[in-house]
Amino acid sequence: MLPKDSKGEVISVWVRDPKIQKEDFWHSYIDYEICIHTNSMCFTLKTSRVRRRFREFVWLRQRLQRNAVLVELPELPPKSPFFNASNVQHVDQRRQGLQEFLEKVLQNTVLLSDSRLHLFLQSQLSPEEIEACVSGQTKYSVAEAISKFASSNRRFPEEKEEKKINYSDSESSSSALGPSSDNSIPHGCATHI
């Protein structure tokens, strides 16, 4: 969890639940679930959950660097030619590195103003679709894309101003690379504010 800023805003981010995805018979990759829980005015949704793979993080870092030339961006975990998707330690080290990357990015107000970051974290649009959206080449705005994703992928209870919802802080009970249940609020994906 990231520290509160001077306005009392908190942005909590988790990178968790690595899963092996098959592209075809010969190729597979690992994607990670990114969970956001925040009270920050910067975010359209106060809770969200998306899945992203390592090369999408690489794309995000390149775009953030291009748009914020004077900002020193945190590094991603190194891409290793010896990365083994079936090695739980390799997968968890990468997951931890991706979480540290996002935590540092989310502490920078210049980077927080980038629409690509918000679409990356709060929609399941591909990098190409994100680029099209931020450059005005789609029928929908950034906020509409995020809202559309939220309504089609409702995994959290609808937010209500007058009611606070408390979530469990416990970690997921699923195995490191095994399937996880999508029919309930994910453990470890939300926290008390």
N, C-alpha and C. Protein backbone atom coordinates (compact mmCIF):
# COMPACT_ATOMS: atom_id res chain seq x y z
N MET A 1 0.85 -1.17 0.00
CA MET A 1 0.00 0.00 0.00
C MET A 1 0.90 1.23 0.00
N LEU A 2 0.50 2.22 -0.77
CA LEU A 2 1.26 3.45 -0.86
C LEU A 2 0.85 4.40 0.27
N PRO A 3 1.78 5.25 0.70
CA PRO A 3 1.44 6.17 1.79
C PRO A 3 0.40 7.19 1.36
N LYS A 4 -0.28 7.77 2.35
CA LYS A 4 -1.25 8.82 2.07
C LYS A 4 -0.50 10.06 1.62
N ASP A 5 -1.09 10.80 0.69
CA ASP A 5 -0.50 12.06 0.29
C ASP A 5 -1.02 13.15 1.22
N SER A 6 -0.67 14.39 0.93
CA SER A 6 -1.06 15.49 1.80
C SER A 6 -2.57 15.70 1.86
N LYS A 7 -3.31 15.22 0.87
CA LYS A 7 -4.77 15.35 0.85
C LYS A 7 -5.45 14.14 1.50
N GLY A 8 -4.68 13.20 2.01
CA GLY A 8 -5.26 12.01 2.62
C GLY A 8 -5.67 10.96 1.61
N GLU A 9 -5.21 11.10 0.37
CA GLU A 9 -5.56 10.12 -0.66
C GLU A 9 -4.61 8.93 -0.58
N VAL A 10 -5.17 7.75 -0.78
CA VAL A 10 -4.40 6.51 -0.75
C VAL A 10 -4.63 5.77 -2.06
N ILE A 11 -3.56 5.25 -2.63
CA ILE A 11 -3.67 4.37 -3.80
C ILE A 11 -2.99 3.06 -3.42
N SER A 12 -3.76 2.00 -3.33
CA SER A 12 -3.22 0.68 -3.04
C SER A 12 -3.19 -0.11 -4.34
N VAL A 13 -2.07 -0.75 -4.59
CA VAL A 13 -1.93 -1.56 -5.80
C VAL A 13 -1.32 -2.91 -5.43
N TRP A 14 -1.86 -3.95 -6.03
CA TRP A 14 -1.33 -5.29 -5.86
C TRP A 14 -1.13 -5.89 -7.23
N VAL A 15 -0.02 -6.57 -7.40
CA VAL A 15 0.20 -7.42 -8.57
C VAL A 15 0.24 -8.82 -8.01
N ARG A 16 -0.68 -9.66 -8.48
CA ARG A 16 -0.85 -10.97 -7.85
C ARG A 16 -1.37 -11.99 -8.86
N ASP A 17 -1.57 -13.19 -8.41
CA ASP A 17 -2.24 -14.26 -9.15
C ASP A 17 -1.67 -14.50 -10.55
N PRO A 18 -0.38 -14.83 -10.66
CA PRO A 18 0.18 -15.13 -11.98
C PRO A 18 -0.48 -16.39 -12.57
N LYS A 19 -0.82 -16.30 -13.86
CA LYS A 19 -1.43 -17.44 -14.55
C LYS A 19 -0.75 -17.66 -15.88
N ILE A 20 -0.55 -18.90 -16.21
CA ILE A 20 0.00 -19.25 -17.52
C ILE A 20 -1.14 -19.23 -18.53
N GLN A 21 -0.95 -18.49 -19.62
CA GLN A 21 -1.93 -18.40 -20.70
C GLN A 21 -1.31 -19.01 -21.96
N LYS A 22 -2.06 -19.83 -22.65
CA LYS A 22 -1.59 -20.46 -23.89
C LYS A 22 -1.96 -19.59 -25.07
N GLU A 23 -0.97 -19.26 -25.91
CA GLU A 23 -1.24 -18.55 -27.17
C GLU A 23 -1.56 -19.56 -28.27
N ASP A 24 -0.76 -20.60 -28.33
CA ASP A 24 -0.97 -21.69 -29.28
C ASP A 24 -0.25 -22.92 -28.71
N PHE A 25 -0.09 -23.93 -29.52
CA PHE A 25 0.50 -25.18 -29.04
C PHE A 25 1.90 -24.98 -28.48
N TRP A 26 2.69 -24.10 -29.09
CA TRP A 26 4.10 -23.94 -28.71
C TRP A 26 4.37 -22.76 -27.78
N HIS A 27 3.48 -21.79 -27.75
CA HIS A 27 3.77 -20.56 -27.02
C HIS A 27 2.80 -20.32 -25.87
N SER A 28 3.36 -19.89 -24.78
CA SER A 28 2.56 -19.49 -23.63
C SER A 28 3.24 -18.30 -22.96
N TYR A 29 2.51 -17.63 -22.10
CA TYR A 29 3.05 -16.51 -21.36
C TYR A 29 2.35 -16.46 -20.01
N ILE A 30 2.88 -15.63 -19.12
CA ILE A 30 2.27 -15.45 -17.81
C ILE A 30 1.66 -14.06 -17.77
N ASP A 31 0.44 -13.97 -17.29
CA ASP A 31 -0.11 -12.66 -17.00
C ASP A 31 -0.38 -12.55 -15.51
N TYR A 32 -0.51 -11.32 -15.06
CA TYR A 32 -0.65 -11.02 -13.64
C TYR A 32 -1.89 -10.16 -13.44
N GLU A 33 -2.54 -10.36 -12.32
CA GLU A 33 -3.68 -9.54 -11.98
C GLU A 33 -3.18 -8.27 -11.28
N ILE A 34 -3.69 -7.13 -11.73
CA ILE A 34 -3.38 -5.86 -11.09
C ILE A 34 -4.65 -5.37 -10.41
N CYS A 35 -4.58 -5.19 -9.10
CA CYS A 35 -5.73 -4.71 -8.33
C CYS A 35 -5.43 -3.31 -7.83
N ILE A 36 -6.40 -2.44 -7.97
CA ILE A 36 -6.30 -1.07 -7.48
C ILE A 36 -7.45 -0.83 -6.51
N HIS A 37 -7.13 -0.20 -5.41
CA HIS A 37 -8.15 0.25 -4.46
C HIS A 37 -7.70 1.63 -3.99
N THR A 38 -8.52 2.64 -4.21
CA THR A 38 -8.09 4.00 -3.94
C THR A 38 -9.25 4.90 -3.56
N ASN A 39 -8.90 5.99 -2.94
CA ASN A 39 -9.85 7.07 -2.73
C ASN A 39 -9.36 8.32 -3.47
N SER A 40 -8.40 8.15 -4.35
CA SER A 40 -7.79 9.27 -5.07
C SER A 40 -8.74 9.84 -6.12
N MET A 41 -8.75 11.15 -6.21
CA MET A 41 -9.55 11.85 -7.22
C MET A 41 -9.02 11.58 -8.64
N CYS A 42 -7.79 11.10 -8.75
CA CYS A 42 -7.17 10.85 -10.05
C CYS A 42 -7.83 9.69 -10.81
N PHE A 43 -8.47 8.80 -10.09
CA PHE A 43 -8.98 7.58 -10.70
C PHE A 43 -10.48 7.63 -10.95
N THR A 44 -10.88 7.15 -12.12
CA THR A 44 -12.30 7.05 -12.48
C THR A 44 -12.99 6.04 -11.58
N LEU A 45 -12.38 4.86 -11.42
CA LEU A 45 -12.92 3.81 -10.57
C LEU A 45 -12.13 3.77 -9.27
N LYS A 46 -12.80 3.49 -8.19
CA LYS A 46 -12.11 3.41 -6.90
C LYS A 46 -11.58 2.00 -6.65
N THR A 47 -12.13 1.01 -7.32
CA THR A 47 -11.62 -0.35 -7.26
C THR A 47 -11.62 -0.91 -8.67
N SER A 48 -10.56 -1.61 -9.01
CA SER A 48 -10.51 -2.24 -10.33
C SER A 48 -9.54 -3.40 -10.30
N ARG A 49 -9.67 -4.23 -11.33
CA ARG A 49 -8.84 -5.42 -11.42
C ARG A 49 -8.72 -5.78 -12.90
N VAL A 50 -7.48 -5.86 -13.37
CA VAL A 50 -7.21 -6.23 -14.76
C VAL A 50 -6.07 -7.24 -14.80
N ARG A 51 -5.88 -7.88 -15.95
CA ARG A 51 -4.75 -8.81 -16.13
C ARG A 51 -3.84 -8.24 -17.20
N ARG A 52 -2.54 -8.26 -16.93
CA ARG A 52 -1.53 -7.76 -17.86
C ARG A 52 -0.34 -8.69 -17.89
N ARG A 53 0.29 -8.75 -19.05
CA ARG A 53 1.50 -9.56 -19.19
C ARG A 53 2.73 -8.66 -19.19
N PHE A 54 3.91 -9.26 -19.04
CA PHE A 54 5.15 -8.50 -18.88
C PHE A 54 5.38 -7.53 -20.04
N ARG A 55 5.16 -7.97 -21.27
CA ARG A 55 5.46 -7.08 -22.39
C ARG A 55 4.54 -5.85 -22.42
N GLU A 56 3.36 -5.94 -21.81
CA GLU A 56 2.49 -4.77 -21.69
C GLU A 56 3.06 -3.78 -20.67
N PHE A 57 3.71 -4.28 -19.62
CA PHE A 57 4.41 -3.40 -18.68
C PHE A 57 5.56 -2.69 -19.39
N VAL A 58 6.27 -3.42 -20.24
CA VAL A 58 7.38 -2.82 -21.00
C VAL A 58 6.84 -1.70 -21.88
N TRP A 59 5.74 -1.96 -22.57
CA TRP A 59 5.10 -0.94 -23.41
C TRP A 59 4.73 0.28 -22.57
N LEU A 60 4.09 0.06 -21.41
CA LEU A 60 3.67 1.16 -20.56
C LEU A 60 4.88 2.01 -20.14
N ARG A 61 5.95 1.37 -19.72
CA ARG A 61 7.12 2.12 -19.28
C ARG A 61 7.68 2.97 -20.42
N GLN A 62 7.74 2.40 -21.62
CA GLN A 62 8.25 3.16 -22.78
C GLN A 62 7.37 4.37 -23.06
N ARG A 63 6.06 4.23 -23.00
CA ARG A 63 5.15 5.35 -23.27
C ARG A 63 5.22 6.40 -22.17
N LEU A 64 5.29 5.97 -20.93
CA LEU A 64 5.41 6.93 -19.84
C LEU A 64 6.70 7.72 -19.96
N GLN A 65 7.79 7.05 -20.32
CA GLN A 65 9.07 7.73 -20.47
C GLN A 65 9.04 8.72 -21.62
N ARG A 66 8.39 8.34 -22.71
CA ARG A 66 8.29 9.23 -23.87
C ARG A 66 7.50 10.49 -23.53
N ASN A 67 6.47 10.37 -22.70
CA ASN A 67 5.61 11.50 -22.37
C ASN A 67 6.11 12.32 -21.18
N ALA A 68 7.00 11.77 -20.39
CA ALA A 68 7.53 12.48 -19.22
C ALA A 68 9.06 12.37 -19.25
N VAL A 69 9.65 13.02 -20.23
CA VAL A 69 11.08 12.89 -20.50
C VAL A 69 11.94 13.25 -19.29
N LEU A 70 11.54 14.24 -18.52
CA LEU A 70 12.35 14.69 -17.40
C LEU A 70 12.14 13.88 -16.11
N VAL A 71 11.20 12.94 -16.14
CA VAL A 71 10.92 12.11 -14.97
C VAL A 71 11.76 10.84 -15.06
N GLU A 72 12.44 10.53 -13.95
CA GLU A 72 13.20 9.28 -13.92
C GLU A 72 12.25 8.15 -13.53
N LEU A 73 11.98 7.29 -14.48
CA LEU A 73 11.06 6.20 -14.24
C LEU A 73 11.75 5.05 -13.52
N PRO A 74 10.99 4.35 -12.66
CA PRO A 74 11.56 3.16 -12.03
C PRO A 74 11.80 2.08 -13.08
N GLU A 75 12.69 1.20 -12.77
CA GLU A 75 13.00 0.09 -13.68
C GLU A 75 12.00 -1.05 -13.49
N LEU A 76 11.81 -1.79 -14.56
CA LEU A 76 11.05 -3.03 -14.49
C LEU A 76 12.01 -4.14 -14.08
N PRO A 77 11.49 -5.26 -13.60
CA PRO A 77 12.40 -6.38 -13.36
C PRO A 77 13.06 -6.77 -14.69
N PRO A 78 14.30 -7.19 -14.66
CA PRO A 78 14.98 -7.50 -15.92
C PRO A 78 14.32 -8.67 -16.65
N LYS A 79 14.35 -8.56 -17.98
CA LYS A 79 13.85 -9.66 -18.80
C LYS A 79 15.00 -10.65 -18.96
N SER A 80 14.81 -11.82 -18.43
CA SER A 80 15.87 -12.82 -18.43
C SER A 80 15.64 -13.86 -19.51
N PRO A 81 16.70 -14.19 -20.28
CA PRO A 81 16.55 -15.27 -21.27
C PRO A 81 16.36 -16.62 -20.59
N PHE A 82 16.65 -16.68 -19.30
CA PHE A 82 16.53 -17.93 -18.55
C PHE A 82 15.27 -17.98 -17.69
N PHE A 83 14.34 -17.03 -17.93
CA PHE A 83 13.09 -17.00 -17.17
C PHE A 83 12.33 -18.29 -17.44
N ASN A 84 11.89 -18.93 -16.36
CA ASN A 84 11.18 -20.19 -16.46
C ASN A 84 9.79 -20.02 -15.85
N ALA A 85 8.78 -20.08 -16.70
CA ALA A 85 7.41 -19.86 -16.25
C ALA A 85 6.93 -20.91 -15.26
N SER A 86 7.57 -22.06 -15.24
CA SER A 86 7.15 -23.09 -14.28
C SER A 86 7.95 -23.02 -12.98
N ASN A 87 8.90 -22.08 -12.89
CA ASN A 87 9.67 -21.89 -11.68
C ASN A 87 8.97 -20.82 -10.83
N VAL A 88 8.36 -21.25 -9.74
CA VAL A 88 7.56 -20.35 -8.90
C VAL A 88 8.40 -19.20 -8.38
N GLN A 89 9.67 -19.44 -8.06
CA GLN A 89 10.54 -18.37 -7.56
C GLN A 89 10.77 -17.30 -8.63
N HIS A 90 11.02 -17.71 -9.89
CA HIS A 90 11.19 -16.75 -10.99
C HIS A 90 9.93 -15.91 -11.17
N VAL A 91 8.80 -16.57 -11.18
CA VAL A 91 7.52 -15.90 -11.39
C VAL A 91 7.25 -14.91 -10.26
N ASP A 92 7.52 -15.32 -9.02
CA ASP A 92 7.24 -14.43 -7.89
C ASP A 92 8.21 -13.25 -7.85
N GLN A 93 9.47 -13.46 -8.22
CA GLN A 93 10.41 -12.33 -8.28
C GLN A 93 9.95 -11.31 -9.30
N ARG A 94 9.48 -11.77 -10.45
CA ARG A 94 8.99 -10.85 -11.47
C ARG A 94 7.73 -10.13 -10.97
N ARG A 95 6.83 -10.86 -10.35
CA ARG A 95 5.61 -10.26 -9.80
C ARG A 95 5.96 -9.16 -8.80
N GLN A 96 6.89 -9.43 -7.91
CA GLN A 96 7.31 -8.42 -6.92
C GLN A 96 7.91 -7.20 -7.61
N GLY A 97 8.73 -7.43 -8.64
CA GLY A 97 9.33 -6.32 -9.38
C GLY A 97 8.28 -5.48 -10.10
N LEU A 98 7.26 -6.12 -10.65
CA LEU A 98 6.18 -5.39 -11.32
C LEU A 98 5.37 -4.57 -10.32
N GLN A 99 5.14 -5.13 -9.14
CA GLN A 99 4.42 -4.39 -8.11
C GLN A 99 5.23 -3.18 -7.65
N GLU A 100 6.52 -3.36 -7.43
CA GLU A 100 7.37 -2.23 -7.01
C GLU A 100 7.39 -1.14 -8.09
N PHE A 101 7.43 -1.54 -9.35
CA PHE A 101 7.38 -0.59 -10.45
C PHE A 101 6.10 0.25 -10.37
N LEU A 102 4.95 -0.41 -10.26
CA LEU A 102 3.67 0.32 -10.21
C LEU A 102 3.57 1.19 -8.96
N GLU A 103 4.03 0.70 -7.82
CA GLU A 103 3.99 1.52 -6.60
C GLU A 103 4.76 2.82 -6.79
N LYS A 104 5.93 2.74 -7.41
CA LYS A 104 6.74 3.95 -7.63
C LYS A 104 6.10 4.86 -8.67
N VAL A 105 5.56 4.29 -9.73
CA VAL A 105 4.89 5.10 -10.76
C VAL A 105 3.72 5.86 -10.15
N LEU A 106 2.94 5.19 -9.32
CA LEU A 106 1.74 5.79 -8.74
C LEU A 106 2.05 6.85 -7.69
N GLN A 107 3.29 6.99 -7.30
CA GLN A 107 3.68 8.05 -6.36
C GLN A 107 4.07 9.34 -7.08
N ASN A 108 4.13 9.30 -8.41
CA ASN A 108 4.58 10.45 -9.18
C ASN A 108 3.37 11.15 -9.81
N THR A 109 3.13 12.41 -9.44
CA THR A 109 1.95 13.12 -9.93
C THR A 109 1.99 13.37 -11.43
N VAL A 110 3.18 13.55 -12.00
CA VAL A 110 3.29 13.73 -13.46
C VAL A 110 2.84 12.47 -14.18
N LEU A 111 3.29 11.32 -13.71
CA LEU A 111 2.90 10.05 -14.34
C LEU A 111 1.43 9.74 -14.11
N LEU A 112 0.90 10.14 -12.95
CA LEU A 112 -0.52 9.92 -12.65
C LEU A 112 -1.44 10.67 -13.60
N SER A 113 -0.92 11.69 -14.27
CA SER A 113 -1.75 12.47 -15.19
C SER A 113 -1.80 11.85 -16.59
N ASP A 114 -1.09 10.76 -16.82
CA ASP A 114 -1.05 10.13 -18.14
C ASP A 114 -2.24 9.19 -18.33
N SER A 115 -3.04 9.45 -19.34
CA SER A 115 -4.23 8.62 -19.61
C SER A 115 -3.88 7.17 -19.91
N ARG A 116 -2.71 6.94 -20.50
CA ARG A 116 -2.30 5.56 -20.80
C ARG A 116 -2.21 4.74 -19.52
N LEU A 117 -1.67 5.35 -18.47
CA LEU A 117 -1.54 4.65 -17.19
C LEU A 117 -2.92 4.24 -16.67
N HIS A 118 -3.87 5.13 -16.75
CA HIS A 118 -5.22 4.83 -16.24
C HIS A 118 -5.90 3.74 -17.07
N LEU A 119 -5.75 3.80 -18.37
CA LEU A 119 -6.33 2.75 -19.22
C LEU A 119 -5.64 1.41 -18.99
N PHE A 120 -4.34 1.43 -18.77
CA PHE A 120 -3.57 0.22 -18.48
C PHE A 120 -4.07 -0.42 -17.18
N LEU A 121 -4.32 0.39 -16.17
CA LEU A 121 -4.69 -0.11 -14.85
C LEU A 121 -6.18 -0.39 -14.69
N GLN A 122 -7.03 0.26 -15.50
CA GLN A 122 -8.46 0.17 -15.23
C GLN A 122 -9.30 -0.24 -16.44
N SER A 123 -8.67 -0.75 -17.47
CA SER A 123 -9.42 -1.32 -18.59
C SER A 123 -8.62 -2.50 -19.12
N GLN A 124 -9.23 -3.31 -19.93
CA GLN A 124 -8.52 -4.44 -20.50
C GLN A 124 -8.16 -4.15 -21.97
N LEU A 125 -8.12 -2.87 -22.34
CA LEU A 125 -7.74 -2.51 -23.70
C LEU A 125 -6.29 -2.93 -23.97
N SER A 126 -6.03 -3.35 -25.18
CA SER A 126 -4.66 -3.69 -25.59
C SER A 126 -3.85 -2.39 -25.73
N PRO A 127 -2.53 -2.48 -25.77
CA PRO A 127 -1.72 -1.27 -25.99
C PRO A 127 -2.13 -0.50 -27.25
N GLU A 128 -2.45 -1.20 -28.31
CA GLU A 128 -2.88 -0.54 -29.55
C GLU A 128 -4.20 0.20 -29.35
N GLU A 129 -5.13 -0.42 -28.64
CA GLU A 129 -6.42 0.22 -28.36
C GLU A 129 -6.25 1.41 -27.41
N ILE A 130 -5.33 1.30 -26.47
CA ILE A 130 -5.04 2.41 -25.56
C ILE A 130 -4.52 3.60 -26.35
N GLU A 131 -3.58 3.36 -27.25
CA GLU A 131 -3.02 4.44 -28.08
C GLU A 131 -4.11 5.11 -28.91
N ALA A 132 -4.97 4.29 -29.50
CA ALA A 132 -6.06 4.84 -30.31
C ALA A 132 -6.99 5.70 -29.45
N CYS A 133 -7.29 5.24 -28.26
CA CYS A 133 -8.19 5.97 -27.37
C CYS A 133 -7.59 7.31 -26.95
N VAL A 134 -6.34 7.32 -26.51
CA VAL A 134 -5.75 8.58 -26.03
C VAL A 134 -5.48 9.56 -27.16
N SER A 135 -5.39 9.07 -28.38
CA SER A 135 -5.16 9.98 -29.52
C SER A 135 -6.48 10.39 -30.19
N GLY A 136 -7.62 10.02 -29.59
CA GLY A 136 -8.92 10.44 -30.09
C GLY A 136 -9.41 9.69 -31.31
N GLN A 137 -8.87 8.51 -31.57
CA GLN A 137 -9.25 7.73 -32.75
C GLN A 137 -10.32 6.69 -32.45
N THR A 138 -10.97 6.80 -31.31
CA THR A 138 -12.06 5.89 -30.97
C THR A 138 -13.33 6.69 -30.73
N LYS A 139 -14.45 6.00 -30.70
CA LYS A 139 -15.74 6.66 -30.46
C LYS A 139 -15.94 6.96 -28.98
N TYR A 140 -15.04 6.47 -28.13
CA TYR A 140 -15.19 6.63 -26.70
C TYR A 140 -13.99 7.36 -26.11
N SER A 141 -14.25 8.05 -25.00
CA SER A 141 -13.20 8.76 -24.28
C SER A 141 -12.48 7.80 -23.33
N VAL A 142 -11.43 8.27 -22.68
CA VAL A 142 -10.72 7.47 -21.68
C VAL A 142 -11.69 7.08 -20.56
N ALA A 143 -12.42 8.04 -20.02
CA ALA A 143 -13.36 7.75 -18.93
C ALA A 143 -14.44 6.77 -19.38
N GLU A 144 -14.94 6.92 -20.60
CA GLU A 144 -15.96 5.99 -21.11
C GLU A 144 -15.39 4.59 -21.26
N ALA A 145 -14.15 4.48 -21.72
CA ALA A 145 -13.52 3.16 -21.87
C ALA A 145 -13.40 2.47 -20.52
N ILE A 146 -12.99 3.22 -19.50
CA ILE A 146 -12.85 2.66 -18.15
C ILE A 146 -14.22 2.28 -17.59
N SER A 147 -15.20 3.14 -17.74
CA SER A 147 -16.55 2.85 -17.24
C SER A 147 -17.16 1.65 -17.95
N LYS A 148 -16.95 1.55 -19.25
CA LYS A 148 -17.48 0.42 -20.01
C LYS A 148 -16.86 -0.88 -19.52
N PHE A 149 -15.55 -0.86 -19.28
CA PHE A 149 -14.88 -2.06 -18.76
C PHE A 149 -15.45 -2.43 -17.40
N ALA A 150 -15.65 -1.43 -16.55
CA ALA A 150 -16.16 -1.68 -15.20
C ALA A 150 -17.54 -2.31 -15.25
N SER A 151 -18.41 -1.80 -16.12
CA SER A 151 -19.77 -2.33 -16.16
C SER A 151 -19.81 -3.73 -16.79
N SER A 152 -18.86 -4.05 -17.66
CA SER A 152 -18.85 -5.37 -18.27
C SER A 152 -18.08 -6.39 -17.43
N ASN A 153 -17.35 -5.92 -16.44
CA ASN A 153 -16.49 -6.79 -15.66
C ASN A 153 -16.69 -6.54 -14.17
N ARG A 154 -17.91 -6.40 -13.73
CA ARG A 154 -18.21 -6.04 -12.35
C ARG A 154 -17.82 -7.18 -11.42
N ARG A 155 -16.70 -7.02 -10.74
CA ARG A 155 -16.26 -8.01 -9.77
C ARG A 155 -16.30 -7.44 -8.37
N PHE A 156 -16.47 -6.15 -8.26
CA PHE A 156 -16.54 -5.49 -6.97
C PHE A 156 -17.97 -5.00 -6.78
N PRO A 157 -18.42 -4.86 -5.57
CA PRO A 157 -19.75 -4.29 -5.35
C PRO A 157 -19.80 -2.87 -5.88
N GLU A 158 -20.95 -2.42 -6.31
CA GLU A 158 -21.07 -1.04 -6.76
C GLU A 158 -20.73 -0.11 -5.61
N GLU A 159 -20.01 0.94 -5.94
CA GLU A 159 -19.56 1.87 -4.91
C GLU A 159 -20.70 2.80 -4.53
N LYS A 160 -20.82 3.05 -3.25
CA LYS A 160 -21.83 3.98 -2.75
C LYS A 160 -21.13 4.97 -1.85
N GLU A 161 -21.47 6.22 -2.02
CA GLU A 161 -20.83 7.29 -1.25
C GLU A 161 -21.07 7.14 0.25
N GLU A 162 -22.31 6.80 0.63
CA GLU A 162 -22.65 6.82 2.04
C GLU A 162 -22.29 5.53 2.77
N LYS A 163 -21.90 4.49 2.07
CA LYS A 163 -21.65 3.21 2.70
C LYS A 163 -20.21 2.78 2.48
N LYS A 164 -19.51 2.42 3.55
CA LYS A 164 -18.15 1.90 3.43
C LYS A 164 -18.23 0.39 3.41
N ILE A 165 -17.41 -0.22 2.56
CA ILE A 165 -17.38 -1.66 2.46
C ILE A 165 -16.01 -2.11 2.96
N ASN A 166 -15.97 -3.06 3.86
CA ASN A 166 -14.71 -3.58 4.38
C ASN A 166 -14.40 -4.90 3.71
N TYR A 167 -13.14 -5.06 3.31
CA TYR A 167 -12.68 -6.27 2.66
C TYR A 167 -11.66 -6.97 3.54
N SER A 168 -11.45 -8.23 3.28
CA SER A 168 -10.44 -9.00 4.02
C SER A 168 -9.05 -8.63 3.54
N ASP A 169 -8.10 -8.62 4.44
CA ASP A 169 -6.70 -8.36 4.09
C ASP A 169 -5.92 -9.65 3.85
N SER A 170 -6.55 -10.80 3.94
CA SER A 170 -5.82 -12.05 3.81
C SER A 170 -5.39 -12.29 2.38
N GLU A 171 -4.36 -13.08 2.22
CA GLU A 171 -3.83 -13.40 0.90
C GLU A 171 -4.69 -14.46 0.22
N SER A 172 -4.54 -14.57 -1.06
CA SER A 172 -5.28 -15.55 -1.85
C SER A 172 -4.85 -16.95 -1.45
N SER A 173 -5.79 -17.87 -1.47
CA SER A 173 -5.47 -19.25 -1.13
C SER A 173 -5.16 -20.08 -2.37
N SER A 174 -5.21 -19.45 -3.55
CA SER A 174 -4.91 -20.21 -4.76
C SER A 174 -3.41 -20.42 -4.86
N SER A 175 -3.02 -21.45 -5.56
CA SER A 175 -1.59 -21.72 -5.73
C SER A 175 -0.98 -20.66 -6.64
N ALA A 176 0.32 -20.59 -6.66
CA ALA A 176 1.03 -19.54 -7.37
C ALA A 176 0.67 -19.48 -8.85
N LEU A 177 0.50 -20.60 -9.49
CA LEU A 177 0.19 -20.60 -10.91
C LEU A 177 -1.13 -21.26 -11.23
N GLY A 178 -1.87 -21.63 -10.23
CA GLY A 178 -3.12 -22.34 -10.47
C GLY A 178 -4.27 -21.41 -10.76
N PRO A 179 -5.40 -21.98 -11.10
CA PRO A 179 -6.57 -21.16 -11.39
C PRO A 179 -7.10 -20.53 -10.12
N SER A 180 -7.78 -19.41 -10.30
CA SER A 180 -8.41 -18.76 -9.16
C SER A 180 -9.88 -18.57 -9.46
N SER A 181 -10.66 -18.46 -8.42
CA SER A 181 -12.10 -18.30 -8.58
C SER A 181 -12.43 -16.85 -8.88
N ASP A 182 -13.25 -16.60 -9.88
CA ASP A 182 -13.66 -15.25 -10.25
C ASP A 182 -15.05 -14.91 -9.74
N ASN A 183 -15.65 -15.77 -8.94
CA ASN A 183 -17.03 -15.54 -8.55
C ASN A 183 -17.18 -14.82 -7.21
N SER A 184 -16.10 -14.33 -6.64
CA SER A 184 -16.20 -13.59 -5.39
C SER A 184 -15.15 -12.50 -5.37
N ILE A 185 -15.20 -11.65 -4.36
CA ILE A 185 -14.21 -10.60 -4.22
C ILE A 185 -12.88 -11.26 -3.92
N PRO A 186 -11.82 -10.93 -4.66
CA PRO A 186 -10.54 -11.60 -4.47
C PRO A 186 -9.91 -11.22 -3.14
N HIS A 187 -9.37 -12.20 -2.45
CA HIS A 187 -8.65 -11.95 -1.21
C HIS A 187 -7.38 -11.21 -1.53
N GLY A 188 -7.02 -10.24 -0.72
CA GLY A 188 -5.79 -9.48 -0.93
C GLY A 188 -5.91 -8.42 -1.99
N CYS A 189 -7.07 -8.26 -2.60
CA CYS A 189 -7.24 -7.30 -3.69
C CYS A 189 -7.88 -6.02 -3.22
N ALA A 190 -8.16 -5.94 -1.94
CA ALA A 190 -8.72 -4.71 -1.40
C ALA A 190 -8.29 -4.58 0.05
N THR A 191 -8.39 -3.40 0.57
CA THR A 191 -7.97 -3.18 1.94
C THR A 191 -8.86 -2.14 2.60
N HIS A 192 -8.73 -1.99 3.88
CA HIS A 192 -9.49 -0.99 4.62
C HIS A 192 -8.92 0.38 4.34
N ILE A 193 -9.79 1.36 4.21
CA ILE A 193 -9.32 2.74 4.02
C ILE A 193 -9.51 3.48 5.32
